[in-house]
Amino acid sequence: MLNYVKTNFDNPIGGATGGIVLNNKRIDDEQAVIMRTQWMF
């Protein structure tokens, strides 16, 4: 199974001055690719 997830944060932790800043850009979303496998024998 392969899933793609994108999350947008309306109210990041820390309010207007907080949150995570990377390369002078405030991060208010995240993206993830999740893969799961299963073997049965």
PDB file of N, CA and C in Angstrom:
ATOM      1  N   MET A   1       0.853  -1.160   0.000  1.00  0.00           N
ATOM      2  CA  MET A   1       0.000   0.000   0.000  1.00  0.00           C
ATOM      3  C   MET A   1       0.910   1.236   0.000  1.00  0.00           C
ATOM      4  N   LEU A   2       0.556   2.202  -0.792  1.00  0.00           N
ATOM      5  CA  LEU A   2       1.328   3.443  -0.890  1.00  0.00           C
ATOM      6  C   LEU A   2       0.356   4.609  -0.743  1.00  0.00           C
ATOM      7  N   ASN A   3       0.644   5.496   0.203  1.00  0.00           N
ATOM      8  CA  ASN A   3      -0.207   6.654   0.462  1.00  0.00           C
ATOM      9  C   ASN A   3       0.597   7.938   0.364  1.00  0.00           C
ATOM     10  N   TYR A   4      -0.064   8.991  -0.080  1.00  0.00           N
ATOM     11  CA  TYR A   4       0.506  10.342  -0.096  1.00  0.00           C
ATOM     12  C   TYR A   4      -0.372  11.209   0.794  1.00  0.00           C
ATOM     13  N   VAL A   5       0.254  11.947   1.719  1.00  0.00           N
ATOM     14  CA  VAL A   5      -0.474  12.775   2.664  1.00  0.00           C
ATOM     15  C   VAL A   5       0.073  14.191   2.620  1.00  0.00           C
ATOM     16  N   LYS A   6      -0.814  15.178   2.533  1.00  0.00           N
ATOM     17  CA  LYS A   6      -0.415  16.583   2.618  1.00  0.00           C
ATOM     18  C   LYS A   6      -1.270  17.239   3.686  1.00  0.00           C
ATOM     19  N   THR A   7      -0.613  17.908   4.636  1.00  0.00           N
ATOM     20  CA  THR A   7      -1.291  18.540   5.755  1.00  0.00           C
ATOM     21  C   THR A   7      -0.989  20.031   5.756  1.00  0.00           C
ATOM     22  N   ASN A   8      -2.026  20.839   5.904  1.00  0.00           N
ATOM     23  CA  ASN A   8      -1.876  22.289   6.046  1.00  0.00           C
ATOM     24  C   ASN A   8      -2.244  22.669   7.473  1.00  0.00           C
ATOM     25  N   PHE A   9      -1.383  23.480   8.121  1.00  0.00           N
ATOM     26  CA  PHE A   9      -1.627  23.915   9.481  1.00  0.00           C
ATOM     27  C   PHE A   9      -2.227  25.309   9.457  1.00  0.00           C
ATOM     28  N   ASP A  10      -3.441  25.461   9.991  1.00  0.00           N
ATOM     29  CA  ASP A  10      -4.064  26.776  10.088  1.00  0.00           C
ATOM     30  C   ASP A  10      -3.448  27.594  11.212  1.00  0.00           C
ATOM     31  N   ASN A  11      -3.145  26.936  12.332  1.00  0.00           N
ATOM     32  CA  ASN A  11      -2.583  27.607  13.502  1.00  0.00           C
ATOM     33  C   ASN A  11      -1.327  26.860  13.949  1.00  0.00           C
ATOM     34  N   PRO A  12      -0.154  27.184  13.373  1.00  0.00           N
ATOM     35  CA  PRO A  12       1.071  26.507  13.776  1.00  0.00           C
ATOM     36  C   PRO A  12       1.393  26.764  15.241  1.00  0.00           C
ATOM     37  N   ILE A  13       2.080  25.849  15.877  1.00  0.00           N
ATOM     38  CA  ILE A  13       2.478  25.996  17.274  1.00  0.00           C
ATOM     39  C   ILE A  13       3.357  27.236  17.407  1.00  0.00           C
ATOM     40  N   GLY A  14       3.073  28.052  18.372  1.00  0.00           N
ATOM     41  CA  GLY A  14       3.847  29.266  18.591  1.00  0.00           C
ATOM     42  C   GLY A  14       3.148  30.520  18.090  1.00  0.00           C
ATOM     43  N   GLY A  15       1.999  30.370  17.451  1.00  0.00           N
ATOM     44  CA  GLY A  15       1.241  31.534  16.986  1.00  0.00           C
ATOM     45  C   GLY A  15       1.885  32.234  15.804  1.00  0.00           C
ATOM     46  N   ALA A  16       1.662  33.538  15.709  1.00  0.00           N
ATOM     47  CA  ALA A  16       2.118  34.313  14.550  1.00  0.00           C
ATOM     48  C   ALA A  16       3.637  34.425  14.472  1.00  0.00           C
ATOM     49  N   THR A  17       4.322  34.363  15.621  1.00  0.00           N
ATOM     50  CA  THR A  17       5.780  34.518  15.610  1.00  0.00           C
ATOM     51  C   THR A  17       6.506  33.195  15.782  1.00  0.00           C
ATOM     52  N   GLY A  18       5.782  32.106  16.021  1.00  0.00           N
ATOM     53  CA  GLY A  18       6.416  30.816  16.279  1.00  0.00           C
ATOM     54  C   GLY A  18       6.399  29.915  15.065  1.00  0.00           C
ATOM     55  N   GLY A  19       6.464  28.651  15.318  1.00  0.00           N
ATOM     56  CA  GLY A  19       6.473  27.668  14.245  1.00  0.00           C
ATOM     57  C   GLY A  19       7.885  27.372  13.778  1.00  0.00           C
ATOM     58  N   ILE A  20       7.985  26.691  12.677  1.00  0.00           N
ATOM     59  CA  ILE A  20       9.275  26.291  12.116  1.00  0.00           C
ATOM     60  C   ILE A  20       9.606  27.207  10.945  1.00  0.00           C
ATOM     61  N   VAL A  21      10.837  27.729  10.929  1.00  0.00           N
ATOM     62  CA  VAL A  21      11.302  28.599   9.846  1.00  0.00           C
ATOM     63  C   VAL A  21      12.480  27.912   9.185  1.00  0.00           C
ATOM     64  N   LEU A  22      12.425  27.758   7.863  1.00  0.00           N
ATOM     65  CA  LEU A  22      13.473  27.118   7.092  1.00  0.00           C
ATOM     66  C   LEU A  22      13.773  27.994   5.882  1.00  0.00           C
ATOM     67  N   ASN A  23      15.036  28.410   5.743  1.00  0.00           N
ATOM     68  CA  ASN A  23      15.445  29.306   4.646  1.00  0.00           C
ATOM     69  C   ASN A  23      14.592  30.574   4.604  1.00  0.00           C
ATOM     70  N   ASN A  24      14.356  31.157   5.784  1.00  0.00           N
ATOM     71  CA  ASN A  24      13.570  32.384   5.931  1.00  0.00           C
ATOM     72  C   ASN A  24      12.134  32.240   5.448  1.00  0.00           C
ATOM     73  N   LYS A  25      11.619  31.020   5.404  1.00  0.00           N
ATOM     74  CA  LYS A  25      10.219  30.773   5.031  1.00  0.00           C
ATOM     75  C   LYS A  25       9.565  29.977   6.142  1.00  0.00           C
ATOM     76  N   ARG A  26       8.422  30.439   6.577  1.00  0.00           N
ATOM     77  CA  ARG A  26       7.692  29.755   7.637  1.00  0.00           C
ATOM     78  C   ARG A  26       7.018  28.515   7.070  1.00  0.00           C
ATOM     79  N   ILE A  27       7.205  27.390   7.733  1.00  0.00           N
ATOM     80  CA  ILE A  27       6.628  26.125   7.288  1.00  0.00           C
ATOM     81  C   ILE A  27       5.241  25.983   7.902  1.00  0.00           C
ATOM     82  N   ASP A  28       4.207  25.916   7.060  1.00  0.00           N
ATOM     83  CA  ASP A  28       2.849  25.744   7.557  1.00  0.00           C
ATOM     84  C   ASP A  28       2.147  24.556   6.897  1.00  0.00           C
ATOM     85  N   ASP A  29       2.956  23.654   6.313  1.00  0.00           N
ATOM     86  CA  ASP A  29       2.391  22.427   5.768  1.00  0.00           C
ATOM     87  C   ASP A  29       3.457  21.337   5.793  1.00  0.00           C
ATOM     88  N   GLU A  30       3.024  20.110   5.595  1.00  0.00           N
ATOM     89  CA  GLU A  30       3.961  19.001   5.498  1.00  0.00           C
ATOM     90  C   GLU A  30       3.426  17.992   4.490  1.00  0.00           C
ATOM     91  N   GLN A  31       4.348  17.250   3.888  1.00  0.00           N
ATOM     92  CA  GLN A  31       3.988  16.236   2.906  1.00  0.00           C
ATOM     93  C   GLN A  31       4.718  14.946   3.266  1.00  0.00           C
ATOM     94  N   ALA A  32       4.055  13.816   3.039  1.00  0.00           N
ATOM     95  CA  ALA A  32       4.675  12.535   3.373  1.00  0.00           C
ATOM     96  C   ALA A  32       4.209  11.472   2.380  1.00  0.00           C
ATOM     97  N   VAL A  33       5.119  10.563   2.067  1.00  0.00           N
ATOM     98  CA  VAL A  33       4.789   9.371   1.294  1.00  0.00           C
ATOM     99  C   VAL A  33       4.994   8.187   2.234  1.00  0.00           C
ATOM    100  N   ILE A  34       3.956   7.386   2.417  1.00  0.00           N
ATOM    101  CA  ILE A  34       3.983   6.282   3.372  1.00  0.00           C
ATOM    102  C   ILE A  34       3.777   4.982   2.610  1.00  0.00           C
ATOM    103  N   MET A  35       4.675   4.027   2.842  1.00  0.00           N
ATOM    104  CA  MET A  35       4.571   2.730   2.154  1.00  0.00           C
ATOM    105  C   MET A  35       4.516   1.621   3.192  1.00  0.00           C
ATOM    106  N   ARG A  36       3.635   0.662   2.966  1.00  0.00           N
ATOM    107  CA  ARG A  36       3.487  -0.470   3.875  1.00  0.00           C
ATOM    108  C   ARG A  36       3.405  -1.752   3.060  1.00  0.00           C
ATOM    109  N   THR A  37       4.119  -2.746   3.489  1.00  0.00           N
ATOM    110  CA  THR A  37       4.065  -4.061   2.840  1.00  0.00           C
ATOM    111  C   THR A  37       3.721  -5.122   3.875  1.00  0.00           C
ATOM    112  N   GLN A  38       3.253  -6.251   3.368  1.00  0.00           N
ATOM    113  CA  GLN A  38       2.923  -7.359   4.260  1.00  0.00           C
ATOM    114  C   GLN A  38       3.184  -8.668   3.555  1.00  0.00           C
ATOM    115  N   TRP A  39       3.858  -9.570   4.229  1.00  0.00           N
ATOM    116  CA  TRP A  39       4.090 -10.918   3.716  1.00  0.00           C
ATOM    117  C   TRP A  39       3.386 -11.912   4.605  1.00  0.00           C
ATOM    118  N   MET A  40       2.727 -12.861   3.996  1.00  0.00           N
ATOM    119  CA  MET A  40       2.026 -13.899   4.752  1.00  0.00           C
ATOM    120  C   MET A  40       2.511 -15.248   4.239  1.00  0.00           C
ATOM    121  N   PHE A  41       3.016 -16.058   5.150  1.00  0.00           N
ATOM    122  CA  PHE A  41       3.472 -17.385   4.739  1.00  0.00           C
ATOM    123  C   PHE A  41       3.166 -18.410   5.796  1.00  0.00           C
TER     124      PHE A  41
END
